[in-house]
Amino acid sequence: EKTAGHNVKRTCELLKVSRTAHYARRKGLPGPRAVR
């Protein structure tokens, strides 16, 4: 959707996903639970 020119904020709201979580998963770094 982002490459098609749509708004990431609106897409995340529709899918009920926080933008913060989306960008964190995009980086690919494991979370604190995975590290532990």
Full PDB file with SEQRES, HELIX, SHEET, SSBOND, CRYST1, ORIGX, SCALE, CONECT and MASTER records, all heavy atoms in Angstrom:
SEQRES   1 A   36  GLU LYS THR ALA GLY HIS ASN VAL LYS ARG THR CYS GLU          
SEQRES   2 A   36  LEU LEU LYS VAL SER ARG THR ALA HIS TYR ALA ARG ARG          
SEQRES   3 A   36  LYS GLY LEU PRO GLY PRO ARG ALA VAL ARG                      
HELIX    1 AA1 VAL A    8  LEU A   15  1                                   8    
HELIX    2 AA2 ARG A   19  LYS A   27  1                                   9    
HELIX    3 AA3 PRO A   32  VAL A   35  1                                   4    
CRYST1    1.000    1.000    1.000  90.00  90.00  90.00 P 1           1          
ORIGX1      1.000000  0.000000  0.000000        0.00000                         
ORIGX2      0.000000  1.000000  0.000000        0.00000                         
ORIGX3      0.000000  0.000000  1.000000        0.00000                         
SCALE1      1.000000  0.000000  0.000000        0.00000                         
SCALE2      0.000000  1.000000  0.000000        0.00000                         
SCALE3      0.000000  0.000000  1.000000        0.00000                         
ATOM      1  N   GLU A   1       0.834  -1.207   0.000  1.00  0.00           N  
ATOM      2  CA  GLU A   1       0.000   0.000   0.000  1.00  0.00           C  
ATOM      3  C   GLU A   1       0.866   1.253   0.000  1.00  0.00           C  
ATOM      4  O   GLU A   1       0.542   2.249  -0.635  1.00  0.00           O  
ATOM      5  CB  GLU A   1      -0.935  -0.004   1.204  1.00  0.00           C  
ATOM      6  CG  GLU A   1      -2.038  -1.036   1.125  1.00  0.00           C  
ATOM      7  CD  GLU A   1      -3.011  -0.737   0.002  1.00  0.00           C  
ATOM      8  OE1 GLU A   1      -3.501   0.406  -0.081  1.00  0.00           O  
ATOM      9  OE2 GLU A   1      -3.269  -1.643  -0.809  1.00  0.00           O  
ATOM     10  N   LYS A   2       1.983   1.206   0.720  1.00  0.00           N  
ATOM     11  CA  LYS A   2       2.881   2.359   0.786  1.00  0.00           C  
ATOM     12  C   LYS A   2       3.508   2.626  -0.584  1.00  0.00           C  
ATOM     13  O   LYS A   2       3.584   3.789  -1.020  1.00  0.00           O  
ATOM     14  CB  LYS A   2       3.971   2.101   1.828  1.00  0.00           C  
ATOM     15  CG  LYS A   2       4.921   3.253   2.003  1.00  0.00           C  
ATOM     16  CD  LYS A   2       5.961   2.953   3.046  1.00  0.00           C  
ATOM     17  CE  LYS A   2       6.937   4.097   3.150  1.00  0.00           C  
ATOM     18  NZ  LYS A   2       8.004   3.825   4.099  1.00  0.00           N  
ATOM     19  N   THR A   3       3.935   1.562  -1.266  1.00  0.00           N  
ATOM     20  CA  THR A   3       4.535   1.758  -2.587  1.00  0.00           C  
ATOM     21  C   THR A   3       3.503   2.208  -3.605  1.00  0.00           C  
ATOM     22  O   THR A   3       3.851   2.856  -4.601  1.00  0.00           O  
ATOM     23  CB  THR A   3       5.212   0.469  -3.095  1.00  0.00           C  
ATOM     24  OG1 THR A   3       4.268  -0.591  -3.083  1.00  0.00           O  
ATOM     25  CG2 THR A   3       6.412   0.111  -2.242  1.00  0.00           C  
ATOM     26  N   ALA A   4       2.237   1.891  -3.364  1.00  0.00           N  
ATOM     27  CA  ALA A   4       1.165   2.340  -4.263  1.00  0.00           C  
ATOM     28  C   ALA A   4       0.786   3.791  -3.996  1.00  0.00           C  
ATOM     29  O   ALA A   4      -0.042   4.356  -4.711  1.00  0.00           O  
ATOM     30  CB  ALA A   4      -0.064   1.446  -4.110  1.00  0.00           C  
ATOM     31  N   GLY A   5       1.371   4.400  -2.964  1.00  0.00           N  
ATOM     32  CA  GLY A   5       1.131   5.810  -2.683  1.00  0.00           C  
ATOM     33  C   GLY A   5       0.052   6.063  -1.645  1.00  0.00           C  
ATOM     34  O   GLY A   5      -0.372   7.204  -1.462  1.00  0.00           O  
ATOM     35  N   HIS A   6      -0.397   5.029  -0.955  1.00  0.00           N  
ATOM     36  CA  HIS A   6      -1.421   5.222   0.080  1.00  0.00           C  
ATOM     37  C   HIS A   6      -0.783   5.577   1.416  1.00  0.00           C  
ATOM     38  O   HIS A   6       0.410   5.385   1.641  1.00  0.00           O  
ATOM     39  CB  HIS A   6      -2.272   3.952   0.218  1.00  0.00           C  
ATOM     40  CG  HIS A   6      -3.043   3.635  -1.026  1.00  0.00           C  
ATOM     41  ND1 HIS A   6      -4.186   4.284  -1.376  1.00  0.00           N  
ATOM     42  CD2 HIS A   6      -2.812   2.728  -2.014  1.00  0.00           C  
ATOM     43  CE1 HIS A   6      -4.648   3.801  -2.508  1.00  0.00           C  
ATOM     44  NE2 HIS A   6      -3.811   2.855  -2.927  1.00  0.00           N  
ATOM     45  N   ASN A   7      -1.619   6.067   2.305  1.00  0.00           N  
ATOM     46  CA  ASN A   7      -1.167   6.534   3.610  1.00  0.00           C  
ATOM     47  C   ASN A   7      -0.938   5.339   4.541  1.00  0.00           C  
ATOM     48  O   ASN A   7      -1.820   4.519   4.745  1.00  0.00           O  
ATOM     49  CB  ASN A   7      -2.247   7.468   4.198  1.00  0.00           C  
ATOM     50  CG  ASN A   7      -1.770   8.190   5.429  1.00  0.00           C  
ATOM     51  OD1 ASN A   7      -0.699   7.929   5.943  1.00  0.00           O  
ATOM     52  ND2 ASN A   7      -2.600   9.105   5.903  1.00  0.00           N  
ATOM     53  N   VAL A   8       0.268   5.256   5.130  1.00  0.00           N  
ATOM     54  CA  VAL A   8       0.607   4.162   6.040  1.00  0.00           C  
ATOM     55  C   VAL A   8      -0.209   4.272   7.324  1.00  0.00           C  
ATOM     56  O   VAL A   8      -0.672   3.257   7.857  1.00  0.00           O  
ATOM     57  CB  VAL A   8       2.121   4.160   6.353  1.00  0.00           C  
ATOM     58  CG1 VAL A   8       2.465   3.131   7.402  1.00  0.00           C  
ATOM     59  CG2 VAL A   8       2.912   3.901   5.088  1.00  0.00           C  
ATOM     60  N   LYS A   9      -0.425   5.499   7.790  1.00  0.00           N  
ATOM     61  CA  LYS A   9      -1.179   5.689   9.022  1.00  0.00           C  
ATOM     62  C   LYS A   9      -2.601   5.137   8.880  1.00  0.00           C  
ATOM     63  O   LYS A   9      -3.091   4.404   9.735  1.00  0.00           O  
ATOM     64  CB  LYS A   9      -1.233   7.177   9.378  1.00  0.00           C  
ATOM     65  CG  LYS A   9      -2.007   7.466  10.636  1.00  0.00           C  
ATOM     66  CD  LYS A   9      -2.045   8.959  10.931  1.00  0.00           C  
ATOM     67  CE  LYS A   9      -2.904   9.219  12.153  1.00  0.00           C  
ATOM     68  NZ  LYS A   9      -3.036  10.653  12.428  1.00  0.00           N  
ATOM     69  N   ARG A  10      -3.238   5.464   7.777  1.00  0.00           N  
ATOM     70  CA  ARG A  10      -4.617   5.014   7.546  1.00  0.00           C  
ATOM     71  C   ARG A  10      -4.671   3.491   7.359  1.00  0.00           C  
ATOM     72  O   ARG A  10      -5.564   2.827   7.872  1.00  0.00           O  
ATOM     73  CB  ARG A  10      -5.179   5.724   6.307  1.00  0.00           C  
ATOM     74  CG  ARG A  10      -6.580   5.340   5.972  1.00  0.00           C  
ATOM     75  CD  ARG A  10      -7.570   5.920   6.975  1.00  0.00           C  
ATOM     76  NE  ARG A  10      -8.911   5.537   6.559  1.00  0.00           N  
ATOM     77  CZ  ARG A  10      -9.856   5.169   7.391  1.00  0.00           C  
ATOM     78  NH1 ARG A  10      -9.627   5.164   8.684  1.00  0.00           N  
ATOM     79  NH2 ARG A  10     -11.041   4.834   6.955  1.00  0.00           N  
ATOM     80  N   THR A  11      -3.693   2.935   6.651  1.00  0.00           N  
ATOM     81  CA  THR A  11      -3.647   1.488   6.442  1.00  0.00           C  
ATOM     82  C   THR A  11      -3.475   0.753   7.768  1.00  0.00           C  
ATOM     83  O   THR A  11      -4.142  -0.255   8.020  1.00  0.00           O  
ATOM     84  CB  THR A  11      -2.497   1.121   5.488  1.00  0.00           C  
ATOM     85  OG1 THR A  11      -2.600   1.901   4.303  1.00  0.00           O  
ATOM     86  CG2 THR A  11      -2.517  -0.343   5.137  1.00  0.00           C  
ATOM     87  N   CYS A  12      -2.607   1.268   8.612  1.00  0.00           N  
ATOM     88  CA  CYS A  12      -2.393   0.639   9.919  1.00  0.00           C  
ATOM     89  C   CYS A  12      -3.645   0.741  10.784  1.00  0.00           C  
ATOM     90  O   CYS A  12      -3.974  -0.200  11.523  1.00  0.00           O  
ATOM     91  CB  CYS A  12      -1.203   1.281  10.633  1.00  0.00           C  
ATOM     92  SG  CYS A  12       0.380   0.844   9.902  1.00  0.00           S  
ATOM     93  N   GLU A  13      -4.348   1.866  10.701  1.00  0.00           N  
ATOM     94  CA  GLU A  13      -5.587   2.012  11.464  1.00  0.00           C  
ATOM     95  C   GLU A  13      -6.636   1.005  10.993  1.00  0.00           C  
ATOM     96  O   GLU A  13      -7.332   0.401  11.810  1.00  0.00           O  
ATOM     97  CB  GLU A  13      -6.140   3.432  11.321  1.00  0.00           C  
ATOM     98  CG  GLU A  13      -5.378   4.475  12.093  1.00  0.00           C  
ATOM     99  CD  GLU A  13      -5.878   5.888  11.812  1.00  0.00           C  
ATOM    100  OE1 GLU A  13      -6.806   6.046  10.988  1.00  0.00           O  
ATOM    101  OE2 GLU A  13      -5.325   6.822  12.405  1.00  0.00           O  
ATOM    102  N   LEU A  14      -6.754   0.817   9.687  1.00  0.00           N  
ATOM    103  CA  LEU A  14      -7.736  -0.122   9.153  1.00  0.00           C  
ATOM    104  C   LEU A  14      -7.414  -1.569   9.537  1.00  0.00           C  
ATOM    105  O   LEU A  14      -8.313  -2.368   9.795  1.00  0.00           O  
ATOM    106  CB  LEU A  14      -7.819   0.002   7.631  1.00  0.00           C  
ATOM    107  CG  LEU A  14      -8.472   1.287   7.110  1.00  0.00           C  
ATOM    108  CD1 LEU A  14      -8.325   1.359   5.596  1.00  0.00           C  
ATOM    109  CD2 LEU A  14      -9.936   1.333   7.501  1.00  0.00           C  
ATOM    110  N   LEU A  15      -6.127  -1.878   9.578  1.00  0.00           N  
ATOM    111  CA  LEU A  15      -5.715  -3.244   9.925  1.00  0.00           C  
ATOM    112  C   LEU A  15      -5.532  -3.440  11.425  1.00  0.00           C  
ATOM    113  O   LEU A  15      -5.184  -4.541  11.861  1.00  0.00           O  
ATOM    114  CB  LEU A  15      -4.410  -3.586   9.201  1.00  0.00           C  
ATOM    115  CG  LEU A  15      -4.516  -3.640   7.684  1.00  0.00           C  
ATOM    116  CD1 LEU A  15      -3.141  -3.816   7.072  1.00  0.00           C  
ATOM    117  CD2 LEU A  15      -5.431  -4.774   7.267  1.00  0.00           C  
ATOM    118  N   LYS A  16      -5.754  -2.376  12.189  1.00  0.00           N  
ATOM    119  CA  LYS A  16      -5.627  -2.401  13.655  1.00  0.00           C  
ATOM    120  C   LYS A  16      -4.224  -2.842  14.088  1.00  0.00           C  
ATOM    121  O   LYS A  16      -4.043  -3.730  14.910  1.00  0.00           O  
ATOM    122  CB  LYS A  16      -6.689  -3.304  14.278  1.00  0.00           C  
ATOM    123  CG  LYS A  16      -8.085  -2.786  14.033  1.00  0.00           C  
ATOM    124  CD  LYS A  16      -9.120  -3.651  14.666  1.00  0.00           C  
ATOM    125  CE  LYS A  16     -10.493  -3.063  14.353  1.00  0.00           C  
ATOM    126  NZ  LYS A  16     -11.570  -3.920  14.783  1.00  0.00           N  
ATOM    127  N   VAL A  17      -3.221  -2.209  13.460  1.00  0.00           N  
ATOM    128  CA  VAL A  17      -1.817  -2.442  13.774  1.00  0.00           C  
ATOM    129  C   VAL A  17      -1.206  -1.084  14.082  1.00  0.00           C  
ATOM    130  O   VAL A  17      -1.458  -0.109  13.368  1.00  0.00           O  
ATOM    131  CB  VAL A  17      -1.083  -3.086  12.571  1.00  0.00           C  
ATOM    132  CG1 VAL A  17       0.391  -3.258  12.860  1.00  0.00           C  
ATOM    133  CG2 VAL A  17      -1.719  -4.395  12.203  1.00  0.00           C  
ATOM    134  N   SER A  18      -0.413  -1.017  15.128  1.00  0.00           N  
ATOM    135  CA  SER A  18       0.216   0.269  15.425  1.00  0.00           C  
ATOM    136  C   SER A  18       1.365   0.517  14.454  1.00  0.00           C  
ATOM    137  O   SER A  18       2.052  -0.415  14.023  1.00  0.00           O  
ATOM    138  CB  SER A  18       0.734   0.296  16.865  1.00  0.00           C  
ATOM    139  OG  SER A  18       1.820  -0.581  17.011  1.00  0.00           O  
ATOM    140  N   ARG A  19       1.541   1.772  14.114  1.00  0.00           N  
ATOM    141  CA  ARG A  19       2.628   2.114  13.193  1.00  0.00           C  
ATOM    142  C   ARG A  19       3.978   1.805  13.825  1.00  0.00           C  
ATOM    143  O   ARG A  19       4.913   1.381  13.140  1.00  0.00           O  
ATOM    144  CB  ARG A  19       2.558   3.601  12.817  1.00  0.00           C  
ATOM    145  CG  ARG A  19       1.510   3.886  11.778  1.00  0.00           C  
ATOM    146  CD  ARG A  19       1.612   5.294  11.266  1.00  0.00           C  
ATOM    147  NE  ARG A  19       1.384   6.245  12.357  1.00  0.00           N  
ATOM    148  CZ  ARG A  19       1.793   7.505  12.350  1.00  0.00           C  
ATOM    149  NH1 ARG A  19       2.449   7.971  11.320  1.00  0.00           N  
ATOM    150  NH2 ARG A  19       1.537   8.299  13.360  1.00  0.00           N  
ATOM    151  N   THR A  20       4.069   1.991  15.128  1.00  0.00           N  
ATOM    152  CA  THR A  20       5.326   1.721  15.825  1.00  0.00           C  
ATOM    153  C   THR A  20       5.707   0.253  15.679  1.00  0.00           C  
ATOM    154  O   THR A  20       6.865  -0.076  15.389  1.00  0.00           O  
ATOM    155  CB  THR A  20       5.189   2.080  17.315  1.00  0.00           C  
ATOM    156  OG1 THR A  20       4.698   3.413  17.430  1.00  0.00           O  
ATOM    157  CG2 THR A  20       6.506   1.957  18.030  1.00  0.00           C  
ATOM    158  N   ALA A  21       4.738  -0.634  15.880  1.00  0.00           N  
ATOM    159  CA  ALA A  21       5.018  -2.062  15.758  1.00  0.00           C  
ATOM    160  C   ALA A  21       5.383  -2.411  14.318  1.00  0.00           C  
ATOM    161  O   ALA A  21       6.281  -3.235  14.079  1.00  0.00           O  
ATOM    162  CB  ALA A  21       3.808  -2.872  16.207  1.00  0.00           C  
ATOM    163  N   HIS A  22       4.702  -1.796  13.366  1.00  0.00           N  
ATOM    164  CA  HIS A  22       5.003  -2.069  11.952  1.00  0.00           C  
ATOM    165  C   HIS A  22       6.440  -1.689  11.625  1.00  0.00           C  
ATOM    166  O   HIS A  22       7.179  -2.471  11.013  1.00  0.00           O  
ATOM    167  CB  HIS A  22       4.036  -1.304  11.048  1.00  0.00           C  
ATOM    168  CG  HIS A  22       4.463  -1.251   9.627  1.00  0.00           C  
ATOM    169  ND1 HIS A  22       4.508  -2.360   8.821  1.00  0.00           N  
ATOM    170  CD2 HIS A  22       4.895  -0.206   8.864  1.00  0.00           C  
ATOM    171  CE1 HIS A  22       4.941  -2.003   7.629  1.00  0.00           C  
ATOM    172  NE2 HIS A  22       5.174  -0.707   7.623  1.00  0.00           N  
ATOM    173  N   TYR A  23       6.858  -0.502  12.027  1.00  0.00           N  
ATOM    174  CA  TYR A  23       8.218  -0.066  11.705  1.00  0.00           C  
ATOM    175  C   TYR A  23       9.257  -0.843  12.508  1.00  0.00           C  
ATOM    176  O   TYR A  23      10.369  -1.062  12.037  1.00  0.00           O  
ATOM    177  CB  TYR A  23       8.360   1.437  11.922  1.00  0.00           C  
ATOM    178  CG  TYR A  23       7.681   2.232  10.827  1.00  0.00           C  
ATOM    179  CD1 TYR A  23       6.603   3.057  11.108  1.00  0.00           C  
ATOM    180  CD2 TYR A  23       8.106   2.142   9.515  1.00  0.00           C  
ATOM    181  CE1 TYR A  23       5.973   3.776  10.111  1.00  0.00           C  
ATOM    182  CE2 TYR A  23       7.478   2.852   8.501  1.00  0.00           C  
ATOM    183  CZ  TYR A  23       6.420   3.674   8.814  1.00  0.00           C  
ATOM    184  OH  TYR A  23       5.798   4.373   7.813  1.00  0.00           O  
ATOM    185  N   ALA A  24       8.903  -1.279  13.716  1.00  0.00           N  
ATOM    186  CA  ALA A  24       9.839  -2.088  14.505  1.00  0.00           C  
ATOM    187  C   ALA A  24      10.065  -3.448  13.839  1.00  0.00           C  
ATOM    188  O   ALA A  24      11.194  -3.944  13.766  1.00  0.00           O  
ATOM    189  CB  ALA A  24       9.306  -2.278  15.921  1.00  0.00           C  
ATOM    190  N   ARG A  25       8.977  -4.068  13.338  1.00  0.00           N  
ATOM    191  CA  ARG A  25       9.118  -5.349  12.640  1.00  0.00           C  
ATOM    192  C   ARG A  25       9.854  -5.179  11.321  1.00  0.00           C  
ATOM    193  O   ARG A  25      10.534  -6.091  10.849  1.00  0.00           O  
ATOM    194  CB  ARG A  25       7.740  -5.968  12.392  1.00  0.00           C  
ATOM    195  CG  ARG A  25       7.146  -6.617  13.611  1.00  0.00           C  
ATOM    196  CD  ARG A  25       5.935  -7.448  13.249  1.00  0.00           C  
ATOM    197  NE  ARG A  25       4.888  -6.681  12.608  1.00  0.00           N  
ATOM    198  CZ  ARG A  25       3.877  -6.096  13.238  1.00  0.00           C  
ATOM    199  NH1 ARG A  25       3.788  -6.183  14.545  1.00  0.00           N  
ATOM    200  NH2 ARG A  25       2.959  -5.420  12.580  1.00  0.00           N  
ATOM    201  N   ARG A  26       9.717  -4.015  10.734  1.00  0.00           N  
ATOM    202  CA  ARG A  26      10.374  -3.737   9.463  1.00  0.00           C  
ATOM    203  C   ARG A  26      11.890  -3.707   9.617  1.00  0.00           C  
ATOM    204  O   ARG A  26      12.627  -4.134   8.725  1.00  0.00           O  
ATOM    205  CB  ARG A  26       9.876  -2.393   8.957  1.00  0.00           C  
ATOM    206  CG  ARG A  26      10.216  -2.087   7.549  1.00  0.00           C  
ATOM    207  CD  ARG A  26       9.493  -0.846   7.128  1.00  0.00           C  
ATOM    208  NE  ARG A  26      10.151  -0.262   5.981  1.00  0.00           N  
ATOM    209  CZ  ARG A  26      10.039   0.986   5.614  1.00  0.00           C  
ATOM    210  NH1 ARG A  26       9.266   1.795   6.308  1.00  0.00           N  
ATOM    211  NH2 ARG A  26      10.654   1.433   4.566  1.00  0.00           N  
ATOM    212  N   LYS A  27      12.355  -3.220  10.781  1.00  0.00           N  
ATOM    213  CA  LYS A  27      13.794  -3.198  11.047  1.00  0.00           C  
ATOM    214  C   LYS A  27      14.356  -4.609  11.192  1.00  0.00           C  
ATOM    215  O   LYS A  27      15.515  -4.844  10.897  1.00  0.00           O  
ATOM    216  CB  LYS A  27      14.097  -2.426  12.333  1.00  0.00           C  
ATOM    217  CG  LYS A  27      13.963  -0.936  12.203  1.00  0.00           C  
ATOM    218  CD  LYS A  27      14.330  -0.281  13.509  1.00  0.00           C  
ATOM    219  CE  LYS A  27      14.158   1.215  13.443  1.00  0.00           C  
ATOM    220  NZ  LYS A  27      14.432   1.851  14.746  1.00  0.00           N  
ATOM    221  N   GLY A  28      13.536  -5.522  11.674  1.00  0.00           N  
ATOM    222  CA  GLY A  28      13.975  -6.907  11.802  1.00  0.00           C  
ATOM    223  C   GLY A  28      14.721  -7.209  13.081  1.00  0.00           C  
ATOM    224  O   GLY A  28      15.253  -8.296  13.236  1.00  0.00           O  
ATOM    225  N   LEU A  29      14.798  -6.270  13.999  1.00  0.00           N  
ATOM    226  CA  LEU A  29      15.470  -6.535  15.267  1.00  0.00           C  
ATOM    227  C   LEU A  29      14.555  -7.353  16.171  1.00  0.00           C  
ATOM    228  O   LEU A  29      13.357  -7.083  16.257  1.00  0.00           O  
ATOM    229  CB  LEU A  29      15.838  -5.218  15.954  1.00  0.00           C  
ATOM    230  CG  LEU A  29      16.805  -4.316  15.211  1.00  0.00           C  
ATOM    231  CD1 LEU A  29      16.978  -3.003  15.950  1.00  0.00           C  
ATOM    232  CD2 LEU A  29      18.139  -5.008  15.038  1.00  0.00           C  
ATOM    233  N   PRO A  30      15.100  -8.346  16.846  1.00  0.00           N  
ATOM    234  CA  PRO A  30      14.253  -9.125  17.752  1.00  0.00           C  
ATOM    235  C   PRO A  30      13.854  -8.292  18.968  1.00  0.00           C  
ATOM    236  O   PRO A  30      14.615  -7.441  19.445  1.00  0.00           O  
ATOM    237  CB  PRO A  30      15.143 -10.294  18.153  1.00  0.00           C  
ATOM    238  CG  PRO A  30      16.534  -9.824  17.931  1.00  0.00           C  
ATOM    239  CD  PRO A  30      16.467  -8.838  16.807  1.00  0.00           C  
ATOM    240  N   GLY A  31      12.674  -8.558  19.450  1.00  0.00           N  
ATOM    241  CA  GLY A  31      12.174  -7.847  20.614  1.00  0.00           C  
ATOM    242  C   GLY A  31      12.808  -8.353  21.895  1.00  0.00           C  
ATOM    243  O   GLY A  31      13.561  -9.329  21.900  1.00  0.00           O  
ATOM    244  N   PRO A  32      12.494  -7.701  23.021  1.00  0.00           N  
ATOM    245  CA  PRO A  32      13.098  -8.109  24.289  1.00  0.00           C  
ATOM    246  C   PRO A  32      12.713  -9.526  24.705  1.00  0.00           C  
ATOM    247  O   PRO A  32      13.515 -10.251  25.281  1.00  0.00           O  
ATOM    248  CB  PRO A  32      12.576  -7.078  25.287  1.00  0.00           C  
ATOM    249  CG  PRO A  32      11.489  -6.351  24.609  1.00  0.00           C  
ATOM    250  CD  PRO A  32      11.661  -6.519  23.151  1.00  0.00           C  
ATOM    251  N   ARG A  33      11.488  -9.939  24.382  1.00  0.00           N  
ATOM    252  CA  ARG A  33      11.074 -11.292  24.749  1.00  0.00           C  
ATOM    253  C   ARG A  33      11.857 -12.332  23.952  1.00  0.00           C  
ATOM    254  O   ARG A  33      12.280 -13.362  24.486  1.00  0.00           O  
ATOM    255  CB  ARG A  33       9.582 -11.473  24.508  1.00  0.00           C  
ATOM    256  CG  ARG A  33       9.100 -12.853  24.892  1.00  0.00           C  
ATOM    257  CD  ARG A  33       7.636 -13.004  24.666  1.00  0.00           C  
ATOM    258  NE  ARG A  33       7.228 -14.363  24.978  1.00  0.00           N  
ATOM    259  CZ  ARG A  33       6.069 -14.868  24.686  1.00  0.00           C  
ATOM    260  NH1 ARG A  33       5.164 -14.136  24.068  1.00  0.00           N  
ATOM    261  NH2 ARG A  33       5.771 -16.103  24.995  1.00  0.00           N  
ATOM    262  N   ALA A  34      12.059 -12.077  22.665  1.00  0.00           N  
ATOM    263  CA  ALA A  34      12.816 -13.011  21.836  1.00  0.00           C  
ATOM    264  C   ALA A  34      14.267 -13.114  22.298  1.00  0.00           C  
ATOM    265  O   ALA A  34      14.857 -14.202  22.297  1.00  0.00           O  
ATOM    266  CB  ALA A  34      12.753 -12.586  20.372  1.00  0.00           C  
ATOM    267  N   VAL A  35      14.836 -11.987  22.704  1.00  0.00           N  
ATOM    268  CA  VAL A  35      16.216 -11.980  23.204  1.00  0.00           C  
ATOM    269  C   VAL A  35      16.303 -12.792  24.490  1.00  0.00           C  
ATOM    270  O   VAL A  35      17.199 -13.623  24.664  1.00  0.00           O  
ATOM    271  CB  VAL A  35      16.709 -10.533  23.424  1.00  0.00           C  
ATOM    272  CG1 VAL A  35      18.044 -10.507  24.134  1.00  0.00           C  
ATOM    273  CG2 VAL A  35      16.804  -9.809  22.096  1.00  0.00           C  
ATOM    274  N   ARG A  36      15.352 -12.572  25.394  1.00  0.00           N  
ATOM    275  CA  ARG A  36      15.332 -13.308  26.665  1.00  0.00           C  
ATOM    276  C   ARG A  36      15.088 -14.797  26.427  1.00  0.00           C  
ATOM    277  O   ARG A  36      15.686 -15.643  27.103  1.00  0.00           O  
ATOM    278  CB  ARG A  36      14.245 -12.719  27.574  1.00  0.00           C  
ATOM    279  CG  ARG A  36      14.130 -13.382  28.914  1.00  0.00           C  
ATOM    280  CD  ARG A  36      15.300 -13.047  29.811  1.00  0.00           C  
ATOM    281  NE  ARG A  36      15.076 -13.640  31.111  1.00  0.00           N  
ATOM    282  CZ  ARG A  36      15.974 -14.335  31.772  1.00  0.00           C  
ATOM    283  NH1 ARG A  36      17.183 -14.473  31.282  1.00  0.00           N  
ATOM    284  NH2 ARG A  36      15.702 -14.858  32.937  1.00  0.00           N  
TER     285      ARG A  36                                                      
MASTER        0    0    0    3    0    0    0    6  284    1    0    3          
END                                                                             
